[in-house]
């Protein structure tokens, strides 16, 4: 991988980390408990509980994504960054640009 590509990927990773942290912050607000004294109807309360479950799932996914991005940032300094962990071939730059936390090429994912 070229030095300029590596630099660009690091910038993308840092940017995505910041975005993901913001999304996590928003999701944490949405999953706060629904107060019992909130004056909403029974159906609205059921909708709120359902939406909370969906947001909790999204929060878990974003937290996992953040861990992967942080790991990718750490690994970006390593010599083998951008090399498929399964076959040892270089992962195409476009794939890394889209999914900077990936450790496998398209052929080895499936």
PDB file of N, CA and C in Angstrom:
ATOM      1  N   UNK A   1       0.846  -1.171   0.000  1.00  0.00           N
ATOM      2  CA  UNK A   1       0.000   0.000   0.000  1.00  0.00           C
ATOM      3  C   UNK A   1       0.898   1.244   0.000  1.00  0.00           C
ATOM      4  N   UNK A   2       0.501   2.178  -0.794  1.00  0.00           N
ATOM      5  CA  UNK A   2       1.264   3.418  -0.906  1.00  0.00           C
ATOM      6  C   UNK A   2       1.083   4.263   0.365  1.00  0.00           C
ATOM      7  N   UNK A   3       2.081   5.075   0.658  1.00  0.00           N
ATOM      8  CA  UNK A   3       2.041   5.922   1.859  1.00  0.00           C
ATOM      9  C   UNK A   3       0.866   6.891   1.821  1.00  0.00           C
ATOM     10  N   UNK A   4       0.565   7.446   0.642  1.00  0.00           N
ATOM     11  CA  UNK A   4      -0.551   8.392   0.544  1.00  0.00           C
ATOM     12  C   UNK A   4      -1.886   7.692   0.770  1.00  0.00           C
ATOM     13  N   UNK A   5      -2.009   6.437   0.311  1.00  0.00           N
ATOM     14  CA  UNK A   5      -3.242   5.677   0.545  1.00  0.00           C
ATOM     15  C   UNK A   5      -3.395   5.387   2.042  1.00  0.00           C
ATOM     16  N   UNK A   6      -2.298   5.011   2.678  1.00  0.00           N
ATOM     17  CA  UNK A   6      -2.325   4.725   4.109  1.00  0.00           C
ATOM     18  C   UNK A   6      -2.732   5.976   4.895  1.00  0.00           C
ATOM     19  N   UNK A   7      -2.197   7.133   4.496  1.00  0.00           N
ATOM     20  CA  UNK A   7      -2.533   8.393   5.160  1.00  0.00           C
ATOM     21  C   UNK A   7      -4.013   8.706   4.990  1.00  0.00           C
ATOM     22  N   UNK A   8      -4.525   8.510   3.770  1.00  0.00           N
ATOM     23  CA  UNK A   8      -5.936   8.770   3.502  1.00  0.00           C
ATOM     24  C   UNK A   8      -6.825   7.840   4.330  1.00  0.00           C
ATOM     25  N   UNK A   9      -6.428   6.565   4.432  1.00  0.00           N
ATOM     26  CA  UNK A   9      -7.207   5.615   5.222  1.00  0.00           C
ATOM     27  C   UNK A   9      -7.226   6.000   6.694  1.00  0.00           C
ATOM     28  N   UNK A  10      -6.100   6.459   7.212  1.00  0.00           N
ATOM     29  CA  UNK A  10      -6.062   6.887   8.605  1.00  0.00           C
ATOM     30  C   UNK A  10      -7.015   8.054   8.824  1.00  0.00           C
ATOM     31  N   UNK A  11      -7.060   8.989   7.883  1.00  0.00           N
ATOM     32  CA  UNK A  11      -7.981  10.123   7.987  1.00  0.00           C
ATOM     33  C   UNK A  11      -9.428   9.644   7.970  1.00  0.00           C
ATOM     34  N   UNK A  12      -9.718   8.684   7.099  1.00  0.00           N
ATOM     35  CA  UNK A  12     -11.076   8.126   7.018  1.00  0.00           C
ATOM     36  C   UNK A  12     -11.444   7.445   8.332  1.00  0.00           C
ATOM     37  N   UNK A  13     -10.511   6.679   8.881  1.00  0.00           N
ATOM     38  CA  UNK A  13     -10.775   5.961  10.133  1.00  0.00           C
ATOM     39  C   UNK A  13     -11.043   6.949  11.267  1.00  0.00           C
ATOM     40  N   UNK A  14     -10.206   7.977  11.386  1.00  0.00           N
ATOM     41  CA  UNK A  14     -10.394   8.974  12.444  1.00  0.00           C
ATOM     42  C   UNK A  14     -11.748   9.661  12.281  1.00  0.00           C
ATOM     43  N   UNK A  15     -12.110  10.001  11.048  1.00  0.00           N
ATOM     44  CA  UNK A  15     -13.395  10.640  10.777  1.00  0.00           C
ATOM     45  C   UNK A  15     -14.553   9.725  11.157  1.00  0.00           C
ATOM     46  N   UNK A  16     -14.450   8.460  10.787  1.00  0.00           N
ATOM     47  CA  UNK A  16     -15.521   7.501  11.104  1.00  0.00           C
ATOM     48  C   UNK A  16     -15.630   7.260  12.610  1.00  0.00           C
ATOM     49  N   UNK A  17     -14.494   7.280  13.294  1.00  0.00           N
ATOM     50  CA  UNK A  17     -14.530   7.120  14.753  1.00  0.00           C
ATOM     51  C   UNK A  17     -15.330   8.268  15.363  1.00  0.00           C
ATOM     52  N   UNK A  18     -15.069   9.486  14.919  1.00  0.00           N
ATOM     53  CA  UNK A  18     -15.789  10.652  15.442  1.00  0.00           C
ATOM     54  C   UNK A  18     -17.286  10.557  15.126  1.00  0.00           C
ATOM     55  N   UNK A  19     -17.614  10.171  13.902  1.00  0.00           N
ATOM     56  CA  UNK A  19     -19.024  10.020  13.514  1.00  0.00           C
ATOM     57  C   UNK A  19     -19.709   8.965  14.372  1.00  0.00           C
ATOM     58  N   UNK A  20     -19.037   7.838  14.558  1.00  0.00           N
ATOM     59  CA  UNK A  20     -19.616   6.734  15.313  1.00  0.00           C
ATOM     60  C   UNK A  20     -19.808   7.122  16.770  1.00  0.00           C
ATOM     61  N   UNK A  21     -18.868   7.859  17.338  1.00  0.00           N
ATOM     62  CA  UNK A  21     -19.029   8.332  18.718  1.00  0.00           C
ATOM     63  C   UNK A  21     -20.257   9.223  18.836  1.00  0.00           C
ATOM     64  N   UNK A  22     -20.479  10.086  17.843  1.00  0.00           N
ATOM     65  CA  UNK A  22     -21.663  10.940  17.845  1.00  0.00           C
ATOM     66  C   UNK A  22     -22.942  10.138  17.755  1.00  0.00           C
ATOM     67  N   UNK A  23     -22.944   9.117  16.903  1.00  0.00           N
ATOM     68  CA  UNK A  23     -24.124   8.269  16.762  1.00  0.00           C
ATOM     69  C   UNK A  23     -24.392   7.497  18.057  1.00  0.00           C
ATOM     70  N   UNK A  24     -23.330   7.042  18.706  1.00  0.00           N
ATOM     71  CA  UNK A  24     -23.486   6.324  19.975  1.00  0.00           C
ATOM     72  C   UNK A  24     -24.096   7.243  21.029  1.00  0.00           C
ATOM     73  N   UNK A  25     -23.631   8.476  21.070  1.00  0.00           N
ATOM     74  CA  UNK A  25     -24.162   9.445  22.028  1.00  0.00           C
ATOM     75  C   UNK A  25     -25.662   9.656  21.806  1.00  0.00           C
ATOM     76  N   UNK A  26     -26.067   9.798  20.535  1.00  0.00           N
ATOM     77  CA  UNK A  26     -27.490   9.980  20.221  1.00  0.00           C
ATOM     78  C   UNK A  26     -28.303   8.750  20.609  1.00  0.00           C
ATOM     79  N   UNK A  27     -27.768   7.567  20.307  1.00  0.00           N
ATOM     80  CA  UNK A  27     -28.490   6.336  20.626  1.00  0.00           C
ATOM     81  C   UNK A  27     -28.621   6.140  22.130  1.00  0.00           C
ATOM     82  N   UNK A  28     -27.612   6.535  22.884  1.00  0.00           N
ATOM     83  CA  UNK A  28     -27.695   6.408  24.343  1.00  0.00           C
ATOM     84  C   UNK A  28     -28.825   7.261  24.904  1.00  0.00           C
ATOM     85  N   UNK A  29     -29.076   8.405  24.282  1.00  0.00           N
ATOM     86  CA  UNK A  29     -30.202   9.243  24.703  1.00  0.00           C
ATOM     87  C   UNK A  29     -31.530   8.553  24.395  1.00  0.00           C
ATOM     88  N   UNK A  30     -31.583   7.855  23.268  1.00  0.00           N
ATOM     89  CA  UNK A  30     -32.836   7.221  22.845  1.00  0.00           C
ATOM     90  C   UNK A  30     -33.170   5.961  23.635  1.00  0.00           C
ATOM     91  N   UNK A  31     -32.186   5.356  24.293  1.00  0.00           N
ATOM     92  CA  UNK A  31     -32.449   4.109  25.020  1.00  0.00           C
ATOM     93  C   UNK A  31     -32.631   4.322  26.517  1.00  0.00           C
ATOM     94  N   UNK A  32     -32.700   5.570  26.926  1.00  0.00           N
ATOM     95  CA  UNK A  32     -32.957   5.835  28.339  1.00  0.00           C
ATOM     96  C   UNK A  32     -34.321   5.275  28.712  1.00  0.00           C
ATOM     97  N   UNK A  33     -34.467   4.837  29.963  1.00  0.00           N
ATOM     98  CA  UNK A  33     -35.757   4.274  30.397  1.00  0.00           C
ATOM     99  C   UNK A  33     -36.915   5.257  30.208  1.00  0.00           C
ATOM    100  N   UNK A  34     -38.072   4.698  29.935  1.00  0.00           N
ATOM    101  CA  UNK A  34     -39.287   5.499  29.758  1.00  0.00           C
ATOM    102  C   UNK A  34     -39.925   5.651  31.135  1.00  0.00           C
ATOM    103  N   UNK A  35     -40.025   6.884  31.631  1.00  0.00           N
ATOM    104  CA  UNK A  35     -40.591   7.078  32.974  1.00  0.00           C
ATOM    105  C   UNK A  35     -42.047   6.614  33.025  1.00  0.00           C
ATOM    106  N   UNK A  36     -42.408   5.988  34.137  1.00  0.00           N
ATOM    107  CA  UNK A  36     -43.781   5.504  34.293  1.00  0.00           C
ATOM    108  C   UNK A  36     -44.782   6.649  34.385  1.00  0.00           C
ATOM    109  N   UNK A  37     -44.324   7.791  34.859  1.00  0.00           N
ATOM    110  CA  UNK A  37     -45.247   8.918  35.003  1.00  0.00           C
ATOM    111  C   UNK A  37     -45.380   9.743  33.725  1.00  0.00           C
ATOM    112  N   UNK A  38     -44.712   9.318  32.645  1.00  0.00           N
ATOM    113  CA  UNK A  38     -44.838  10.025  31.370  1.00  0.00           C
ATOM    114  C   UNK A  38     -46.266   9.862  30.866  1.00  0.00           C
ATOM    115  N   UNK A  39     -46.881  10.967  30.487  1.00  0.00           N
ATOM    116  CA  UNK A  39     -48.282  10.927  30.090  1.00  0.00           C
ATOM    117  C   UNK A  39     -48.399  10.580  28.593  1.00  0.00           C
ATOM    118  N   UNK A  40     -48.221   9.297  28.310  1.00  0.00           N
ATOM    119  CA  UNK A  40     -48.435   8.809  26.945  1.00  0.00           C
ATOM    120  C   UNK A  40     -49.410   7.648  27.032  1.00  0.00           C
ATOM    121  N   UNK A  41     -50.121   7.421  25.971  1.00  0.00           N
ATOM    122  CA  UNK A  41     -51.113   6.345  25.956  1.00  0.00           C
ATOM    123  C   UNK A  41     -50.472   4.965  25.955  1.00  0.00           C
ATOM    124  N   UNK A  42     -51.291   3.951  26.154  1.00  0.00           N
ATOM    125  CA  UNK A  42     -50.825   2.570  26.223  1.00  0.00           C
ATOM    126  C   UNK A  42     -50.137   2.160  24.926  1.00  0.00           C
ATOM    127  N   UNK A  43     -50.768   2.464  23.788  1.00  0.00           N
ATOM    128  CA  UNK A  43     -50.196   2.106  22.491  1.00  0.00           C
ATOM    129  C   UNK A  43     -48.896   2.878  22.259  1.00  0.00           C
ATOM    130  N   UNK A  44     -48.888   4.152  22.617  1.00  0.00           N
ATOM    131  CA  UNK A  44     -47.676   4.959  22.456  1.00  0.00           C
ATOM    132  C   UNK A  44     -46.551   4.421  23.323  1.00  0.00           C
ATOM    133  N   UNK A  45     -46.880   3.967  24.538  1.00  0.00           N
ATOM    134  CA  UNK A  45     -45.871   3.386  25.420  1.00  0.00           C
ATOM    135  C   UNK A  45     -45.309   2.102  24.801  1.00  0.00           C
ATOM    136  N   UNK A  46     -46.171   1.297  24.204  1.00  0.00           N
ATOM    137  CA  UNK A  46     -45.709   0.062  23.551  1.00  0.00           C
ATOM    138  C   UNK A  46     -44.799   0.406  22.374  1.00  0.00           C
ATOM    139  N   UNK A  47     -45.156   1.422  21.612  1.00  0.00           N
ATOM    140  CA  UNK A  47     -44.306   1.871  20.507  1.00  0.00           C
ATOM    141  C   UNK A  47     -42.957   2.353  21.028  1.00  0.00           C
ATOM    142  N   UNK A  48     -42.988   3.090  22.111  1.00  0.00           N
ATOM    143  CA  UNK A  48     -41.750   3.610  22.687  1.00  0.00           C
ATOM    144  C   UNK A  48     -40.851   2.470  23.161  1.00  0.00           C
ATOM    145  N   UNK A  49     -41.441   1.456  23.770  1.00  0.00           N
ATOM    146  CA  UNK A  49     -40.671   0.296  24.232  1.00  0.00           C
ATOM    147  C   UNK A  49     -40.086  -0.451  23.042  1.00  0.00           C
ATOM    148  N   UNK A  50     -40.868  -0.615  21.985  1.00  0.00           N
ATOM    149  CA  UNK A  50     -40.390  -1.288  20.779  1.00  0.00           C
ATOM    150  C   UNK A  50     -39.243  -0.494  20.137  1.00  0.00           C
ATOM    151  N   UNK A  51     -39.434   0.815  20.028  1.00  0.00           N
ATOM    152  CA  UNK A  51     -38.383   1.664  19.460  1.00  0.00           C
ATOM    153  C   UNK A  51     -37.116   1.616  20.305  1.00  0.00           C
ATOM    154  N   UNK A  52     -37.283   1.535  21.601  1.00  0.00           N
ATOM    155  CA  UNK A  52     -36.132   1.452  22.507  1.00  0.00           C
ATOM    156  C   UNK A  52     -35.345   0.171  22.226  1.00  0.00           C
ATOM    157  N   UNK A  53     -36.050  -0.937  22.012  1.00  0.00           N
ATOM    158  CA  UNK A  53     -35.377  -2.216  21.709  1.00  0.00           C
ATOM    159  C   UNK A  53     -34.587  -2.122  20.412  1.00  0.00           C
ATOM    160  N   UNK A  54     -35.174  -1.494  19.414  1.00  0.00           N
ATOM    161  CA  UNK A  54     -34.492  -1.319  18.131  1.00  0.00           C
ATOM    162  C   UNK A  54     -33.253  -0.441  18.319  1.00  0.00           C
ATOM    163  N   UNK A  55     -33.390   0.629  19.082  1.00  0.00           N
ATOM    164  CA  UNK A  55     -32.262   1.521  19.323  1.00  0.00           C
ATOM    165  C   UNK A  55     -31.168   0.859  20.152  1.00  0.00           C
ATOM    166  N   UNK A  56     -31.550  -0.016  21.087  1.00  0.00           N
ATOM    167  CA  UNK A  56     -30.552  -0.757  21.867  1.00  0.00           C
ATOM    168  C   UNK A  56     -29.724  -1.651  20.961  1.00  0.00           C
ATOM    169  N   UNK A  57     -30.383  -2.292  20.007  1.00  0.00           N
ATOM    170  CA  UNK A  57     -29.679  -3.135  19.046  1.00  0.00           C
ATOM    171  C   UNK A  57     -28.729  -2.303  18.186  1.00  0.00           C
ATOM    172  N   UNK A  58     -29.204  -1.163  17.720  1.00  0.00           N
ATOM    173  CA  UNK A  58     -28.370  -0.273  16.916  1.00  0.00           C
ATOM    174  C   UNK A  58     -27.180   0.233  17.736  1.00  0.00           C
ATOM    175  N   UNK A  59     -27.401   0.490  19.010  1.00  0.00           N
ATOM    176  CA  UNK A  59     -26.327   0.953  19.889  1.00  0.00           C
ATOM    177  C   UNK A  59     -25.245  -0.115  20.024  1.00  0.00           C
ATOM    178  N   UNK A  60     -25.657  -1.362  20.219  1.00  0.00           N
ATOM    179  CA  UNK A  60     -24.675  -2.461  20.324  1.00  0.00           C
ATOM    180  C   UNK A  60     -23.855  -2.577  19.039  1.00  0.00           C
ATOM    181  N   UNK A  61     -24.523  -2.469  17.895  1.00  0.00           N
ATOM    182  CA  UNK A  61     -23.821  -2.547  16.609  1.00  0.00           C
ATOM    183  C   UNK A  61     -22.815  -1.410  16.454  1.00  0.00           C
ATOM    184  N   UNK A  62     -23.208  -0.201  16.828  1.00  0.00           N
ATOM    185  CA  UNK A  62     -22.312   0.962  16.717  1.00  0.00           C
ATOM    186  C   UNK A  62     -21.124   0.831  17.665  1.00  0.00           C
ATOM    187  N   UNK A  63     -21.362   0.280  18.846  1.00  0.00           N
ATOM    188  CA  UNK A  63     -20.257   0.082  19.791  1.00  0.00           C
ATOM    189  C   UNK A  63     -19.259  -0.941  19.250  1.00  0.00           C
ATOM    190  N   UNK A  64     -19.762  -1.981  18.605  1.00  0.00           N
ATOM    191  CA  UNK A  64     -18.876  -2.965  17.982  1.00  0.00           C
ATOM    192  C   UNK A  64     -18.092  -2.329  16.832  1.00  0.00           C
ATOM    193  N   UNK A  65     -18.776  -1.524  16.040  1.00  0.00           N
ATOM    194  CA  UNK A  65     -18.126  -0.845  14.922  1.00  0.00           C
ATOM    195  C   UNK A  65     -17.017   0.076  15.432  1.00  0.00           C
ATOM    196  N   UNK A  66     -17.280   0.773  16.540  1.00  0.00           N
ATOM    197  CA  UNK A  66     -16.284   1.663  17.115  1.00  0.00           C
ATOM    198  C   UNK A  66     -15.043   0.880  17.552  1.00  0.00           C
ATOM    199  N   UNK A  67     -15.246  -0.275  18.168  1.00  0.00           N
ATOM    200  CA  UNK A  67     -14.110  -1.119  18.570  1.00  0.00           C
ATOM    201  C   UNK A  67     -13.282  -1.526  17.357  1.00  0.00           C
ATOM    202  N   UNK A  68     -13.956  -1.921  16.281  1.00  0.00           N
ATOM    203  CA  UNK A  68     -13.257  -2.332  15.063  1.00  0.00           C
ATOM    204  C   UNK A  68     -12.482  -1.170  14.449  1.00  0.00           C
ATOM    205  N   UNK A  69     -13.086   0.007  14.452  1.00  0.00           N
ATOM    206  CA  UNK A  69     -12.415   1.183  13.890  1.00  0.00           C
ATOM    207  C   UNK A  69     -11.191   1.560  14.715  1.00  0.00           C
ATOM    208  N   UNK A  70     -11.316   1.489  16.031  1.00  0.00           N
ATOM    209  CA  UNK A  70     -10.168   1.797  16.888  1.00  0.00           C
ATOM    210  C   UNK A  70      -9.042   0.794  16.663  1.00  0.00           C
ATOM    211  N   UNK A  71      -9.410  -0.475  16.497  1.00  0.00           N
ATOM    212  CA  UNK A  71      -8.410  -1.509  16.219  1.00  0.00           C
ATOM    213  C   UNK A  71      -7.756  -1.253  14.863  1.00  0.00           C
ATOM    214  N   UNK A  72      -8.546  -0.831  13.880  1.00  0.00           N
ATOM    215  CA  UNK A  72      -8.002  -0.527  12.552  1.00  0.00           C
ATOM    216  C   UNK A  72      -7.030   0.639  12.624  1.00  0.00           C
ATOM    217  N   UNK A  73      -7.350   1.639  13.449  1.00  0.00           N
ATOM    218  CA  UNK A  73      -6.456   2.784  13.606  1.00  0.00           C
ATOM    219  C   UNK A  73      -5.129   2.347  14.218  1.00  0.00           C
ATOM    220  N   UNK A  74      -5.187   1.471  15.216  1.00  0.00           N
ATOM    221  CA  UNK A  74      -3.971   0.935  15.823  1.00  0.00           C
ATOM    222  C   UNK A  74      -3.153   0.141  14.800  1.00  0.00           C
ATOM    223  N   UNK A  75      -3.857  -0.671  14.020  1.00  0.00           N
ATOM    224  CA  UNK A  75      -3.175  -1.530  13.039  1.00  0.00           C
ATOM    225  C   UNK A  75      -2.674  -0.774  11.819  1.00  0.00           C
ATOM    226  N   UNK A  76      -3.151   0.442  11.617  1.00  0.00           N
ATOM    227  CA  UNK A  76      -2.779   1.191  10.413  1.00  0.00           C
ATOM    228  C   UNK A  76      -1.284   1.497  10.358  1.00  0.00           C
ATOM    229  N   UNK A  77      -0.625   1.436  11.482  1.00  0.00           N
ATOM    230  CA  UNK A  77       0.819   1.679  11.522  1.00  0.00           C
ATOM    231  C   UNK A  77       1.627   0.408  11.249  1.00  0.00           C
ATOM    232  N   UNK A  78       0.970  -0.718  11.289  1.00  0.00           N
ATOM    233  CA  UNK A  78       1.677  -1.989  11.099  1.00  0.00           C
ATOM    234  C   UNK A  78       1.970  -2.233   9.622  1.00  0.00           C
ATOM    235  N   UNK A  79       3.003  -2.997   9.389  1.00  0.00           N
ATOM    236  CA  UNK A  79       3.449  -3.313   8.029  1.00  0.00           C
ATOM    237  C   UNK A  79       2.393  -4.099   7.249  1.00  0.00           C
ATOM    238  N   UNK A  80       1.654  -4.966   7.954  1.00  0.00           N
ATOM    239  CA  UNK A  80       0.685  -5.834   7.273  1.00  0.00           C
ATOM    240  C   UNK A  80      -0.713  -5.228   7.172  1.00  0.00           C
ATOM    241  N   UNK A  81      -0.852  -3.928   7.452  1.00  0.00           N
ATOM    242  CA  UNK A  81      -2.154  -3.279   7.323  1.00  0.00           C
ATOM    243  C   UNK A  81      -2.583  -3.292   5.862  1.00  0.00           C
ATOM    244  N   UNK A  82      -3.810  -3.729   5.604  1.00  0.00           N
ATOM    245  CA  UNK A  82      -4.315  -3.800   4.237  1.00  0.00           C
ATOM    246  C   UNK A  82      -4.035  -5.124   3.561  1.00  0.00           C
ATOM    247  N   UNK A  83      -3.487  -6.073   4.324  1.00  0.00           N
ATOM    248  CA  UNK A  83      -3.215  -7.412   3.798  1.00  0.00           C
ATOM    249  C   UNK A  83      -4.262  -8.362   4.381  1.00  0.00           C
ATOM    250  N   UNK A  84      -4.848  -9.173   3.529  1.00  0.00           N
ATOM    251  CA  UNK A  84      -5.873 -10.129   3.952  1.00  0.00           C
ATOM    252  C   UNK A  84      -5.278 -11.112   4.949  1.00  0.00           C
ATOM    253  N   UNK A  85      -5.953 -11.283   6.069  1.00  0.00           N
ATOM    254  CA  UNK A  85      -5.463 -12.191   7.104  1.00  0.00           C
ATOM    255  C   UNK A  85      -5.638 -13.655   6.730  1.00  0.00           C
ATOM    256  N   UNK A  86      -6.421 -13.923   5.708  1.00  0.00           N
ATOM    257  CA  UNK A  86      -6.655 -15.313   5.316  1.00  0.00           C
ATOM    258  C   UNK A  86      -5.750 -15.747   4.175  1.00  0.00           C
ATOM    259  N   UNK A  87      -5.728 -14.968   3.078  1.00  0.00           N
ATOM    260  CA  UNK A  87      -4.972 -15.405   1.895  1.00  0.00           C
ATOM    261  C   UNK A  87      -3.636 -14.684   1.738  1.00  0.00           C
ATOM    262  N   UNK A  88      -3.468 -13.553   2.436  1.00  0.00           N
ATOM    263  CA  UNK A  88      -2.222 -12.818   2.362  1.00  0.00           C
ATOM    264  C   UNK A  88      -2.109 -11.863   1.192  1.00  0.00           C
ATOM    265  N   UNK A  89      -3.158 -11.746   0.383  1.00  0.00           N
ATOM    266  CA  UNK A  89      -3.149 -10.793  -0.730  1.00  0.00           C
ATOM    267  C   UNK A  89      -3.524  -9.405  -0.216  1.00  0.00           C
ATOM    268  N   UNK A  90      -3.161  -8.397  -1.000  1.00  0.00           N
ATOM    269  CA  UNK A  90      -3.502  -7.031  -0.627  1.00  0.00           C
ATOM    270  C   UNK A  90      -5.003  -6.806  -0.814  1.00  0.00           C
ATOM    271  N   UNK A  91      -5.617  -6.177   0.189  1.00  0.00           N
ATOM    272  CA  UNK A  91      -7.034  -5.834   0.098  1.00  0.00           C
ATOM    273  C   UNK A  91      -7.135  -4.588  -0.768  1.00  0.00           C
ATOM    274  N   UNK A  92      -8.009  -4.580  -1.780  1.00  0.00           N
ATOM    275  CA  UNK A  92      -8.128  -3.410  -2.651  1.00  0.00           C
ATOM    276  C   UNK A  92      -8.425  -2.134  -1.853  1.00  0.00           C
ATOM    277  N   UNK A  93      -7.810  -1.043  -2.281  1.00  0.00           N
ATOM    278  CA  UNK A  93      -7.959   0.240  -1.587  1.00  0.00           C
ATOM    279  C   UNK A  93      -9.424   0.655  -1.494  1.00  0.00           C
ATOM    280  N   UNK A  94     -10.198   0.437  -2.536  1.00  0.00           N
ATOM    281  CA  UNK A  94     -11.616   0.812  -2.527  1.00  0.00           C
ATOM    282  C   UNK A  94     -12.382   0.107  -1.425  1.00  0.00           C
ATOM    283  N   UNK A  95     -12.068  -1.148  -1.187  1.00  0.00           N
ATOM    284  CA  UNK A  95     -12.725  -1.891  -0.107  1.00  0.00           C
ATOM    285  C   UNK A  95     -12.329  -1.313   1.251  1.00  0.00           C
ATOM    286  N   UNK A  96     -11.050  -1.017   1.413  1.00  0.00           N
ATOM    287  CA  UNK A  96     -10.592  -0.439   2.672  1.00  0.00           C
ATOM    288  C   UNK A  96     -11.157   0.962   2.888  1.00  0.00           C
ATOM    289  N   UNK A  97     -11.330   1.679   1.811  1.00  0.00           N
ATOM    290  CA  UNK A  97     -11.897   3.018   1.890  1.00  0.00           C
ATOM    291  C   UNK A  97     -13.348   2.945   2.383  1.00  0.00           C
ATOM    292  N   UNK A  98     -14.073   1.951   1.912  1.00  0.00           N
ATOM    293  CA  UNK A  98     -15.472   1.766   2.293  1.00  0.00           C
ATOM    294  C   UNK A  98     -15.591   1.120   3.673  1.00  0.00           C
ATOM    295  N   UNK A  99     -14.740   0.133   3.931  1.00  0.00           N
ATOM    296  CA  UNK A  99     -14.759  -0.606   5.199  1.00  0.00           C
ATOM    297  C   UNK A  99     -13.342  -0.637   5.771  1.00  0.00           C
ATOM    298  N   UNK A 100     -12.875   0.445   6.360  1.00  0.00           N
ATOM    299  CA  UNK A 100     -11.484   0.499   6.803  1.00  0.00           C
ATOM    300  C   UNK A 100     -11.136  -0.497   7.905  1.00  0.00           C
ATOM    301  N   UNK A 101     -12.143  -1.060   8.541  1.00  0.00           N
ATOM    302  CA  UNK A 101     -11.895  -2.020   9.603  1.00  0.00           C
ATOM    303  C   UNK A 101     -11.814  -3.465   9.118  1.00  0.00           C
ATOM    304  N   UNK A 102     -12.005  -3.683   7.822  1.00  0.00           N
ATOM    305  CA  UNK A 102     -11.989  -5.041   7.299  1.00  0.00           C
ATOM    306  C   UNK A 102     -10.580  -5.630   7.349  1.00  0.00           C
ATOM    307  N   UNK A 103     -10.515  -6.921   7.563  1.00  0.00           N
ATOM    308  CA  UNK A 103      -9.226  -7.613   7.605  1.00  0.00           C
ATOM    309  C   UNK A 103      -9.129  -8.695   6.540  1.00  0.00           C
ATOM    310  N   UNK A 104     -10.182  -8.809   5.734  1.00  0.00           N
ATOM    311  CA  UNK A 104     -10.189  -9.829   4.680  1.00  0.00           C
ATOM    312  C   UNK A 104     -10.613  -9.229   3.355  1.00  0.00           C
ATOM    313  N   UNK A 105     -10.105  -9.827   2.284  1.00  0.00           N
ATOM    314  CA  UNK A 105     -10.502  -9.398   0.944  1.00  0.00           C
ATOM    315  C   UNK A 105     -11.874  -9.992   0.618  1.00  0.00           C
ATOM    316  N   UNK A 106     -12.455  -9.551  -0.467  1.00  0.00           N
ATOM    317  CA  UNK A 106     -13.796  -9.992  -0.857  1.00  0.00           C
ATOM    318  C   UNK A 106     -13.837 -11.508  -1.067  1.00  0.00           C
ATOM    319  N   UNK A 107     -12.809 -12.062  -1.666  1.00  0.00           N
ATOM    320  CA  UNK A 107     -12.790 -13.500  -1.958  1.00  0.00           C
ATOM    321  C   UNK A 107     -12.789 -14.339  -0.683  1.00  0.00           C
ATOM    322  N   UNK A 108     -12.179 -13.840   0.366  1.00  0.00           N
ATOM    323  CA  UNK A 108     -12.068 -14.620   1.604  1.00  0.00           C
ATOM    324  C   UNK A 108     -13.200 -14.397   2.603  1.00  0.00           C
ATOM    325  N   UNK A 109     -14.056 -13.431   2.333  1.00  0.00           N
ATOM    326  CA  UNK A 109     -15.169 -13.157   3.238  1.00  0.00           C
ATOM    327  C   UNK A 109     -16.243 -14.226   3.086  1.00  0.00           C
ATOM    328  N   UNK A 110     -16.509 -14.627   1.871  1.00  0.00           N
ATOM    329  CA  UNK A 110     -17.599 -15.555   1.594  1.00  0.00           C
ATOM    330  C   UNK A 110     -17.372 -16.959   1.914  1.00  0.00           C
TER     331      UNK A 110
END
